[in-house]
Protein backbone atom coordinates (compact mmCIF):
# COMPACT_ATOMS: atom_id res chain seq x y z
CA MET A 1 0.00 0.00 0.00
CA ALA A 2 2.87 2.28 0.86
CA GLU A 3 4.48 1.61 -2.55
CA GLU A 4 1.26 2.42 -4.38
CA GLU A 5 0.92 5.66 -2.46
CA LYS A 6 4.52 6.67 -3.32
CA VAL A 7 3.96 5.90 -7.00
CA THR A 8 0.87 8.05 -7.08
CA GLU A 9 2.70 10.86 -5.28
CA GLN A 10 5.57 10.69 -7.81
CA GLU A 11 3.10 10.70 -10.77
CA VAL A 12 1.38 13.65 -9.33
CA LYS A 13 4.67 15.53 -8.96
CA GLU A 14 5.82 14.59 -12.48
CA THR A 15 2.55 15.72 -14.13
CA PRO A 16 2.73 19.36 -15.11
CA GLU A 17 0.52 21.76 -13.28
CA ALA A 18 -2.75 22.56 -14.94
CA GLU A 19 -2.32 25.55 -17.08
CA THR A 20 -4.57 28.31 -15.92
CA LYS A 21 -6.49 29.92 -18.75
CA VAL A 22 -6.26 33.68 -18.55
CA GLU A 23 -8.99 35.42 -20.50
CA ALA A 24 -7.89 38.57 -22.26
CA PRO A 25 -9.84 41.62 -21.24
CA LYS A 26 -12.61 42.46 -23.73
CA GLU A 27 -12.17 45.72 -25.53
CA GLU A 28 -15.14 47.97 -24.92
CA ALA A 29 -16.70 49.48 -28.03
CA PRO A 30 -16.50 53.24 -28.13
CA LYS A 31 -19.71 54.80 -26.91
CA ALA A 32 -21.62 56.97 -29.33
CA PRO A 33 -21.85 60.59 -28.28
CA LYS A 34 -25.16 61.45 -26.64
CA ALA A 35 -27.52 63.52 -28.72
CA PRO A 36 -28.18 66.93 -27.22
CA LYS A 37 -31.51 67.26 -25.48
CA PRO A 38 -34.03 69.27 -27.46
CA GLU A 39 -34.69 72.64 -25.95
CA ALA A 40 -38.24 73.48 -25.03
CA PRO A 41 -39.75 76.43 -26.93
CA LYS A 42 -39.76 79.72 -25.14
CA ASP A 43 -43.55 80.06 -25.32
CA ALA A 44 -44.13 76.60 -23.85
CA PRO A 45 -45.55 76.58 -20.28
CA LYS A 46 -43.34 75.49 -17.42
CA GLY A 47 -43.28 71.79 -16.58
CA GLU A 48 -43.79 70.61 -20.18
CA ALA A 49 -40.94 68.62 -21.65
CA ALA A 50 -39.83 69.29 -25.21
CA PRO A 51 -40.96 66.66 -27.75
CA SER A 52 -38.24 64.16 -28.50
CA ALA A 53 -37.29 63.02 -31.98
CA SER A 54 -38.67 59.54 -31.29
CA ASP A 55 -42.16 60.96 -30.64
CA LYS A 56 -42.39 62.51 -34.08
CA PRO A 57 -43.39 60.00 -36.79
CA ALA A 58 -41.18 59.75 -39.82
CA PRO A 59 -42.66 61.33 -42.97
CA ASN A 60 -42.81 57.98 -44.78
CA ASP A 61 -44.21 56.00 -41.85
CA ARG A 62 -47.88 55.13 -42.02
CA ARG A 63 -50.03 55.00 -38.94
CA PRO A 64 -51.89 51.79 -38.16
CA ARG A 65 -55.57 51.68 -38.90
CA GLY A 66 -56.53 51.73 -35.26
CA ASP A 67 -54.70 55.02 -34.72
CA VAL A 68 -56.60 57.01 -37.32
CA ARG A 69 -57.62 60.39 -35.95
CA LYS A 70 -61.06 61.66 -36.82
CA ARG A 71 -61.19 65.26 -37.92
CA ARG A 72 -64.27 67.42 -37.74
CA ARG A 73 -65.56 68.59 -41.09
CA GLU A 74 -65.75 72.35 -41.18
CA PHE A 75 -68.74 73.43 -43.26
CA THR A 76 -68.37 76.61 -45.23
CA PRO A 77 -71.25 79.11 -45.16
CA ARG A 78 -72.20 77.99 -48.67
CA GLN A 79 -72.48 74.33 -47.58
CA GLU A 80 -74.49 75.27 -44.48
CA GLU A 81 -76.82 77.38 -46.64
CA VAL A 82 -77.41 74.58 -49.15
CA LYS A 83 -78.01 72.15 -46.27
CA GLU A 84 -81.05 74.21 -45.10
CA PHE A 85 -82.89 73.97 -48.44
CA GLU A 86 -86.15 72.04 -48.68
CA GLU A 87 -86.62 69.67 -51.63
CA ARG A 88 -89.77 68.85 -53.57
CA SER A 89 -90.18 66.46 -56.51
CA VAL A 90 -92.49 68.15 -59.01
CA SER A 91 -92.54 65.68 -61.89
CA ILE A 92 -91.36 62.07 -62.33
CA ARG A 93 -91.91 60.37 -65.67
CA SER A 94 -90.44 57.51 -67.69
CA VAL A 95 -88.60 57.97 -70.96
CA ALA A 96 -87.40 55.35 -73.44
CA LYS A 97 -84.68 55.21 -76.06
CA THR A 98 -84.89 52.75 -78.96
CA VAL A 99 -81.58 51.01 -79.67
CA LYS A 100 -80.52 48.00 -81.72
CA GLY A 101 -81.34 45.50 -78.98
CA GLY A 102 -84.69 47.05 -78.03
CA ARG A 103 -85.88 49.94 -75.86
CA ARG A 104 -83.92 51.31 -72.92
CA LYS A 105 -86.22 52.70 -70.24
CA LYS A 106 -85.09 55.44 -67.87
CA TRP A 107 -86.69 57.89 -65.43
CA THR A 108 -86.52 61.69 -65.36
CA ALA A 109 -87.19 63.74 -62.23
CA LEU A 110 -87.79 67.47 -61.89
CA VAL A 111 -86.93 68.79 -58.41
CA VAL A 112 -87.41 72.28 -56.96
CA VAL A 113 -85.51 73.42 -53.83
CA GLY A 114 -85.85 76.55 -51.70
CA ASN A 115 -85.03 78.02 -48.30
CA HIS A 116 -88.27 80.07 -47.79
CA LYS A 117 -86.10 83.22 -47.62
CA GLY A 118 -86.06 84.38 -51.23
CA LYS A 119 -83.84 81.70 -52.79
CA TYR A 120 -84.86 78.78 -54.99
CA GLY A 121 -83.46 76.44 -57.62
CA TYR A 122 -84.58 73.69 -59.97
CA GLY A 123 -82.89 70.73 -61.64
CA LEU A 124 -83.68 67.88 -64.04
CA GLY A 125 -82.06 64.46 -63.52
CA LYS A 126 -82.21 61.20 -65.47
CA ALA A 127 -81.27 57.68 -64.31
CA ALA A 128 -82.26 54.03 -64.55
CA GLU A 129 -83.93 54.16 -61.11
CA VAL A 130 -86.23 56.80 -59.61
CA PRO A 131 -84.19 57.49 -56.40
CA ASP A 132 -81.03 58.03 -58.46
CA ALA A 133 -82.85 60.41 -60.78
CA ILE A 134 -84.20 62.44 -57.84
CA LYS A 135 -80.73 62.60 -56.24
CA LYS A 136 -79.18 63.85 -59.49
CA ALA A 137 -81.89 66.47 -59.94
CA THR A 138 -81.49 67.66 -56.33
CA ASP A 139 -77.73 68.07 -56.71
CA ILE A 140 -78.20 70.07 -59.91
CA ALA A 141 -80.88 72.27 -58.28
CA LYS A 142 -78.63 73.10 -55.29
CA LYS A 143 -75.87 74.20 -57.64
CA ASN A 144 -78.18 76.59 -59.58
CA ILE A 145 -79.66 78.93 -56.98
CA HIS A 146 -81.68 82.00 -57.99
CA THR A 147 -83.06 84.91 -55.95
CA ILE A 148 -86.57 86.37 -56.00
CA PRO A 149 -87.27 89.88 -54.59
CA ILE A 150 -89.91 89.78 -51.83
CA VAL A 151 -91.57 93.04 -50.71
CA LYS A 152 -93.87 94.00 -47.87
CA GLY A 153 -96.79 91.60 -47.57
CA ASN A 154 -94.67 88.63 -48.67
CA THR A 155 -95.45 89.17 -52.33
CA ILE A 156 -93.65 90.12 -55.53
CA PRO A 157 -93.00 93.79 -56.42
CA HIS A 158 -95.02 94.04 -59.65
CA GLU A 159 -96.72 92.11 -62.47
CA VAL A 160 -94.59 90.15 -64.89
CA MET A 161 -94.97 87.68 -67.75
CA GLY A 162 -92.36 84.97 -68.26
CA HIS A 163 -91.79 83.22 -71.58
CA PHE A 164 -90.03 79.99 -72.51
CA GLY A 165 -90.78 77.97 -75.60
CA ALA A 166 -94.55 77.56 -75.95
CA SER A 167 -95.17 78.30 -72.24
CA LYS A 168 -96.09 81.63 -70.68
CA VAL A 169 -96.44 82.29 -66.95
CA TYR A 170 -98.21 85.40 -65.63
CA LEU A 171 -97.40 86.49 -62.05
CA LYS A 172 -99.31 89.22 -60.21
CA PRO A 173 -98.81 90.54 -56.65
CA ALA A 174 -101.68 90.00 -54.23
CA PRO A 175 -102.67 91.62 -50.91
CA GLU A 176 -101.84 89.93 -47.64
CA GLY A 177 -104.15 87.02 -46.83
CA THR A 178 -104.74 85.99 -50.44
CA GLY A 179 -102.34 83.05 -50.40
CA ILE A 180 -100.78 81.38 -53.43
CA VAL A 181 -103.26 81.18 -56.29
CA ALA A 182 -101.26 78.82 -58.47
CA GLY A 183 -100.94 75.18 -59.23
CA GLY A 184 -98.37 72.56 -60.04
CA VAL A 185 -94.85 73.77 -60.65
CA VAL A 186 -95.51 77.48 -60.07
CA ARG A 187 -96.95 76.77 -56.60
CA ALA A 188 -93.86 74.75 -55.68
CA VAL A 189 -91.54 77.56 -56.78
CA MET A 190 -93.52 80.24 -54.91
CA GLU A 191 -93.88 78.25 -51.69
CA LEU A 192 -90.24 77.17 -51.47
CA SER A 193 -88.92 80.62 -52.35
CA GLY A 194 -90.93 82.26 -49.52
CA VAL A 195 -93.67 84.11 -51.45
CA GLN A 196 -96.99 83.78 -49.58
CA ASN A 197 -99.37 86.02 -51.58
CA VAL A 198 -99.40 85.86 -55.38
CA CYS A 199 -101.73 85.14 -58.30
CA SER A 200 -100.55 83.29 -61.40
CA LYS A 201 -101.80 81.93 -64.69
CA VAL A 202 -100.10 79.56 -67.17
CA TYR A 203 -100.74 79.98 -70.90
CA GLY A 204 -99.76 77.63 -73.71
CA SER A 205 -97.79 74.45 -73.01
CA ARG A 206 -98.17 72.89 -69.54
CA THR A 207 -94.98 70.79 -69.76
CA PRO A 208 -93.42 71.02 -66.25
CA ILE A 209 -89.85 71.83 -67.32
CA ASN A 210 -91.05 74.55 -69.72
CA VAL A 211 -93.32 76.06 -67.06
CA VAL A 212 -90.45 76.16 -64.53
CA LYS A 213 -88.15 77.87 -67.00
CA ALA A 214 -90.84 80.38 -68.01
CA CYS A 215 -91.49 81.16 -64.34
CA ASP A 216 -87.76 81.58 -63.73
CA GLU A 217 -87.46 83.92 -66.72
CA GLY A 218 -90.27 86.09 -65.37
CA ILE A 219 -88.77 86.18 -61.85
CA SER A 220 -85.41 87.25 -63.28
CA ARG A 221 -87.06 90.43 -64.64
CA LEU A 222 -88.55 91.44 -61.27
CA SER A 223 -87.00 94.51 -59.65
CA ASN A 224 -87.57 96.12 -56.27
CA ALA A 225 -87.18 99.78 -55.21
CA LYS A 226 -83.44 99.47 -54.52
CA THR A 227 -82.62 98.08 -57.95
CA VAL A 228 -84.81 100.69 -59.66
CA LYS A 229 -83.07 103.55 -57.81
CA ALA A 230 -79.66 102.15 -58.66
CA ARG A 231 -80.60 101.75 -62.33
CA ARG A 232 -81.99 105.32 -62.55
CA ALA A 233 -78.91 106.76 -60.87
CA LYS A 234 -76.67 104.90 -63.31
CA GLU A 235 -78.73 106.18 -66.26
CA GLU A 236 -78.48 109.80 -64.99
CA VAL A 237 -74.71 109.50 -64.64
CA GLU A 238 -74.37 108.10 -68.16
CA SER A 239 -76.62 110.82 -69.62
CA ASN A 240 -74.59 113.59 -67.86
CA GLU A 241 -71.35 112.11 -69.17
CA ALA A 242 -72.79 112.00 -72.69
CA LYS A 243 -73.67 115.71 -72.51
């Protein structure tokens, strides 16, 4: 046993010592210089931190669908005014066009709009379905707004005769309490424009679109006291310049 122990001791002494592995120190990468902190604007209230560059989205980045911000639509005075108009369908009739394969049927709608404050408009729309035709006519009517002069008693200033094609429309002012003595298209135009007392008569063709245009032509020749004074003053100035 003693010999075995000596042998083992000699082997241990003869074996070289375990080489200790020394790890070389890792070289630290140079640190990037810190970006300067953004300065808060002078007008900003105290306690508010300046917005960092990371908060601002890149110009090419797109926001996710869930982060879409809803913006309020700002209506211009013109849009608000058109929004208040009342609509009335005066005439709806079917029309047909003969083509090689047969007849194509469509619908035409005549719509009158007004705000009961002296403004009105009319439009004619055509489509394969009635609701589409009415929508088209309404959009056209709201884009073509006309003005009618209304005097004391909610009536027109004077008598007038409107002409268009084979249709003639006669309009006459009436005293307060008379109401609208008219029918069909002329009544719709007078009611929606705000006239409450008037007498009318249609001569010749009773086609709705022709009657509306004849009525509009007569209304365009109406003049109140202000327009008459302005016209006379302009005529006097022109006559004095000619002398």
